[in-house]
Protein backbone atom coordinates (compact mmCIF):
# COMPACT_ATOMS: atom_id res chain seq x y z
CA UNK A 1 107.25 4.80 9.67
CA UNK A 2 105.68 8.12 9.46
CA UNK A 3 102.18 6.47 9.77
CA UNK A 4 103.26 4.76 12.94
CA UNK A 5 104.54 8.01 14.43
CA UNK A 6 101.18 9.72 13.58
CA UNK A 7 99.23 6.95 15.18
CA UNK A 8 101.44 7.24 18.29
CA UNK A 9 100.83 10.98 18.54
CA UNK A 10 97.12 10.56 18.04
CA UNK A 11 96.96 7.89 20.77
CA UNK A 12 98.95 10.14 23.11
CA UNK A 13 96.53 12.98 22.45
CA UNK A 14 93.50 10.82 23.05
CA UNK A 15 94.96 9.45 26.38
CA UNK A 16 95.72 13.02 27.49
CA UNK A 17 92.17 14.17 26.66
CA UNK A 18 90.67 11.11 28.48
CA UNK A 19 92.83 11.76 31.55
CA UNK A 20 91.89 15.53 31.59
CA UNK A 21 88.20 14.60 31.14
CA UNK A 22 88.31 12.08 33.97
CA UNK A 23 89.88 14.75 36.24
CA UNK A 24 87.25 17.24 35.24
CA UNK A 25 84.52 14.61 35.87
CA UNK A 26 86.04 13.85 39.25
CA UNK A 27 86.24 17.46 40.14
CA UNK A 28 82.63 18.26 39.31
CA UNK A 29 80.95 15.08 40.40
CA UNK A 30 83.00 13.65 43.24
CA UNK A 31 83.15 15.73 46.43
CA UNK A 32 86.19 15.04 48.55
CA UNK A 33 86.60 18.52 50.17
CA UNK A 34 85.89 18.51 53.89
CA UNK A 35 83.78 21.15 55.54
CA UNK A 36 85.35 24.01 57.42
CA UNK A 37 84.74 24.42 61.19
CA UNK A 38 85.22 27.84 62.74
CA UNK A 39 84.99 29.04 66.38
CA UNK A 40 84.51 32.69 67.62
CA UNK A 41 86.80 32.10 70.52
CA UNK A 42 89.28 29.51 71.87
CA UNK A 43 87.28 29.15 75.21
CA UNK A 44 83.59 28.72 75.94
CA UNK A 45 82.23 29.32 79.44
CA UNK A 46 79.28 27.49 80.83
CA UNK A 47 77.63 26.52 84.10
CA UNK A 48 77.51 22.89 85.16
CA UNK A 49 73.77 22.81 84.73
CA UNK A 50 73.75 24.05 81.15
CA UNK A 51 72.66 21.74 78.37
CA UNK A 52 75.08 20.46 75.77
CA UNK A 53 73.87 23.18 73.35
CA UNK A 54 75.83 25.76 75.49
CA UNK A 55 78.98 24.10 74.29
CA UNK A 56 78.07 24.93 70.65
CA UNK A 57 77.96 28.71 71.14
CA UNK A 58 80.04 30.38 68.50
CA UNK A 59 80.66 27.31 66.43
CA UNK A 60 80.04 27.51 62.76
CA UNK A 61 80.52 25.06 59.80
CA UNK A 62 80.43 25.67 56.14
CA UNK A 63 81.03 23.48 53.05
CA UNK A 64 81.94 24.39 49.47
CA UNK A 65 78.97 22.46 48.08
CA UNK A 66 76.43 22.08 50.95
CA UNK A 67 76.71 25.63 52.25
CA UNK A 68 75.93 26.30 55.96
CA UNK A 69 76.29 23.15 58.04
CA UNK A 70 76.12 24.84 61.49
CA UNK A 71 73.05 23.01 62.48
CA UNK A 72 74.80 19.71 61.78
CA UNK A 73 77.69 20.26 64.14
CA UNK A 74 77.63 17.86 67.24
CA UNK A 75 79.69 17.74 70.30
CA UNK A 76 82.01 14.60 69.83
CA UNK A 77 83.22 14.58 73.50
CA UNK A 78 84.31 16.43 76.50
CA UNK A 79 87.43 15.35 78.36
CA UNK A 80 87.92 15.08 82.16
CA UNK A 81 89.33 18.19 83.78
CA UNK A 82 92.72 19.32 82.45
CA UNK A 83 92.96 22.32 84.81
CA UNK A 84 91.39 23.64 87.89
CA UNK A 85 87.96 24.10 86.20
CA UNK A 86 88.66 23.51 82.54
CA UNK A 87 88.21 20.68 80.08
CA UNK A 88 88.63 20.19 76.35
CA UNK A 89 85.62 19.88 74.13
CA UNK A 90 85.69 18.43 70.57
CA UNK A 91 83.28 19.17 67.73
CA UNK A 92 82.57 17.13 64.53
CA UNK A 93 80.59 17.72 61.36
CA UNK A 94 80.01 15.76 58.19
CA UNK A 95 78.90 17.04 54.71
CA UNK A 96 76.52 15.18 52.44
CA UNK A 97 79.44 13.26 50.86
CA UNK A 98 80.49 12.10 54.32
CA UNK A 99 83.60 14.26 54.45
CA UNK A 100 84.47 15.09 58.04
CA UNK A 101 85.93 18.09 59.93
CA UNK A 102 86.78 18.35 63.61
CA UNK A 103 88.00 21.10 66.00
CA UNK A 104 88.47 21.53 69.69
CA UNK A 105 88.68 24.22 72.30
CA UNK A 106 88.74 24.72 76.04
CA UNK A 107 85.48 24.66 78.08
CA UNK A 108 85.58 26.62 81.50
CA UNK A 109 83.01 25.79 84.14
CA UNK A 110 82.22 28.97 85.95
CA UNK A 111 80.52 27.41 88.95
CA UNK A 112 82.79 24.49 89.45
CA UNK A 113 84.17 23.56 92.93
CA UNK A 114 86.30 20.63 93.90
CA UNK A 115 84.83 17.68 95.90
CA UNK A 116 84.71 18.29 99.63
CA UNK A 117 84.91 16.07 102.59
CA UNK A 118 82.85 16.24 105.75
CA UNK A 119 82.72 14.19 108.97
CA UNK A 120 79.71 14.06 111.41
CA UNK A 121 81.51 12.50 114.32
CA UNK A 122 84.93 12.84 116.02
CA UNK A 123 87.67 10.24 114.88
CA UNK A 124 88.04 8.93 118.36
CA UNK A 125 88.01 5.11 118.90
CA UNK A 126 88.37 2.92 122.00
CA UNK A 127 91.47 0.83 122.24
CA UNK A 128 91.31 -2.76 120.87
CA UNK A 129 88.19 -1.76 118.89
CA UNK A 130 87.62 -1.43 115.13
CA UNK A 131 88.75 1.89 113.60
CA UNK A 132 86.01 2.33 110.92
CA UNK A 133 86.65 5.80 109.60
CA UNK A 134 84.43 5.37 106.53
CA UNK A 135 81.40 5.12 108.75
CA UNK A 136 81.56 8.68 109.52
CA UNK A 137 83.60 10.25 106.69
CA UNK A 138 81.55 11.60 103.70
CA UNK A 139 82.20 13.48 100.40
CA UNK A 140 80.00 15.63 98.14
CA UNK A 141 80.52 17.14 94.72
CA UNK A 142 78.76 19.83 92.63
CA UNK A 143 78.86 17.44 89.69
CA UNK A 144 77.96 14.13 91.19
CA UNK A 145 76.30 14.93 94.47
CA UNK A 146 77.10 12.34 97.20
CA UNK A 147 80.38 10.51 96.28
CA UNK A 148 81.05 9.05 99.65
CA UNK A 149 81.23 5.64 97.93
CA UNK A 150 84.32 6.83 96.11
CA UNK A 151 86.43 7.51 99.21
CA UNK A 152 89.56 5.58 99.50
CA UNK A 153 92.03 5.44 102.46
CA UNK A 154 95.42 5.92 100.85
CA UNK A 155 97.68 5.95 103.97
CA UNK A 156 97.34 5.38 107.72
CA UNK A 157 99.47 4.43 110.68
CA UNK A 158 96.72 3.42 113.15
CA UNK A 159 97.49 0.90 115.77
CA UNK A 160 94.17 0.10 117.41
CA UNK A 161 95.84 -1.81 120.26
CA UNK A 162 97.85 1.16 121.43
CA UNK A 163 96.38 4.43 122.70
CA UNK A 164 97.73 7.44 120.92
CA UNK A 165 97.42 10.04 118.08
CA UNK A 166 97.52 8.76 114.58
CA UNK A 167 97.07 10.11 110.97
CA UNK A 168 94.86 8.80 108.18
CA UNK A 169 94.83 10.22 104.63
CA UNK A 170 91.68 9.79 102.52
CA UNK A 171 91.10 10.54 98.84
CA UNK A 172 88.00 10.95 96.70
CA UNK A 173 87.38 11.73 93.01
CA UNK A 174 84.47 12.76 90.86
CA UNK A 175 83.41 11.83 87.39
CA UNK A 176 85.37 14.72 85.93
CA UNK A 177 88.52 13.28 87.36
CA UNK A 178 89.06 15.89 89.98
CA UNK A 179 90.38 14.72 93.31
CA UNK A 180 90.42 15.93 96.87
CA UNK A 181 92.69 14.64 99.63
CA UNK A 182 92.32 15.17 103.42
CA UNK A 183 94.54 14.08 106.37
CA UNK A 184 92.75 13.43 109.57
CA UNK A 185 94.04 13.07 113.17
CA UNK A 186 92.71 9.82 114.74
CA UNK A 187 92.74 9.19 118.50
CA UNK A 188 92.73 5.71 119.98
CA UNK A 189 91.89 6.03 123.64
CA UNK A 190 91.79 3.84 126.77
CA UNK A 191 89.11 6.28 128.31
CA UNK A 192 86.09 4.13 128.97
CA UNK A 193 83.67 7.08 129.08
CA UNK A 194 82.20 8.34 125.86
CA UNK A 195 83.70 11.46 124.47
CA UNK A 196 81.66 14.44 125.77
CA UNK A 197 83.39 16.95 123.51
CA UNK A 198 81.61 17.51 120.15
CA UNK A 199 81.99 19.92 117.19
CA UNK A 200 79.65 21.17 114.59
CA UNK A 201 82.10 20.33 111.83
CA UNK A 202 85.23 18.15 112.00
CA UNK A 203 86.42 19.14 108.47
CA UNK A 204 86.25 22.86 107.49
CA UNK A 205 86.96 24.47 104.12
CA UNK A 206 87.88 28.14 104.16
CA UNK A 207 88.61 30.63 101.38
CA UNK A 208 92.04 32.42 101.58
CA UNK A 209 91.60 35.60 103.60
CA UNK A 210 88.47 34.56 105.47
CA UNK A 211 88.13 34.65 109.26
CA UNK A 212 88.40 31.57 111.47
CA UNK A 213 86.91 31.29 114.98
CA UNK A 214 87.51 27.72 116.27
CA UNK A 215 85.29 28.20 119.30
CA UNK A 216 82.34 28.74 116.91
CA UNK A 217 82.36 25.06 116.07
CA UNK A 218 82.05 23.72 119.61
CA UNK A 219 78.61 22.25 120.43
CA UNK A 220 79.42 20.72 123.78
CA UNK A 221 80.51 21.50 126.40
CA UNK A 222 80.49 25.33 126.80
CA UNK A 223 83.27 26.83 124.67
CA UNK A 224 84.86 28.49 127.75
CA UNK A 225 85.59 25.00 129.16
CA UNK A 226 87.43 23.89 126.05
CA UNK A 227 91.22 24.58 125.39
CA UNK A 228 91.86 25.21 121.70
CA UNK A 229 95.19 24.88 120.11
CA UNK A 230 96.03 25.64 116.40
CA UNK A 231 98.24 27.37 113.92
CA UNK A 232 95.65 28.00 111.23
CA UNK A 233 96.82 30.85 108.81
CA UNK A 234 93.92 31.81 106.57
CA UNK A 235 96.28 34.00 104.43
CA UNK A 236 98.19 30.86 103.33
CA UNK A 237 96.61 27.97 101.46
CA UNK A 238 97.08 24.64 103.03
CA UNK A 239 95.82 21.94 105.47
CA UNK A 240 95.81 22.57 109.20
CA UNK A 241 94.76 20.71 112.29
CA UNK A 242 93.05 22.13 115.39
CA UNK A 243 92.97 20.39 118.74
CA UNK A 244 90.07 20.88 121.25
CA UNK A 245 90.57 19.55 124.76
CA UNK A 246 88.24 19.37 127.77
CA UNK A 247 89.19 17.24 130.68
CA UNK A 248 90.25 13.81 129.49
CA UNK A 249 88.64 14.31 125.98
CA UNK A 250 90.45 15.64 122.98
CA UNK A 251 89.10 15.86 119.43
CA UNK A 252 90.78 17.13 116.26
CA UNK A 253 89.55 19.23 113.45
CA UNK A 254 90.97 19.39 109.94
CA UNK A 255 90.98 22.93 108.32
CA UNK A 256 91.56 23.41 104.61
CA UNK A 257 92.43 26.90 103.34
CA UNK A 258 92.12 27.11 99.65
């Protein structure tokens, strides 16, 4: 009986030693500790033309076995805009044992601007004719350039068989997911003569607090012959509409204060 107890104790001690040895072996030979990623700030600023390396400023990576892995850090991805000019960037790094670490922070584009519409011809159409607003409506963007192909008409109440003043709302978005919307005044007219009243710009963007002289946009006829009506308030962000009338002709301009 005593012999059996001794054998049991010996087997227990051997098992404990084997377990401790395997744990020690695993600890020293198997690397399952991920690297550590650190950033010097929660936000990185960059210009749209900067290379991807600009996103890596201030990011460091270290590993308990491989040491400094900063050169191995890569940009895993950048989201679409989550704010007016900000997105989220995510970093990833692997050590030699393929352990992974990730982190993310905000990227702020210092020179970003929203997409802008432009229109090179008045939205005046003859009664019973086609109202093809997309043939004269354009959009540009600091990220993607010409994005006129992305324009969508999202609402309109135009009746091409009835002369009158109508509204059309258009929308456009860029590759960052940012969007601009503009509402235009559209005229359907039974005047058979071509519209002689023209403007330099039919869609105008103004910064808050800037000045606005509607007569400066008239290209024909002489400004003193044109009656201008508007309620544009450059101190208050919003979308406004300006009417220009000369004889039987009237054209509308959209002014966006932002």
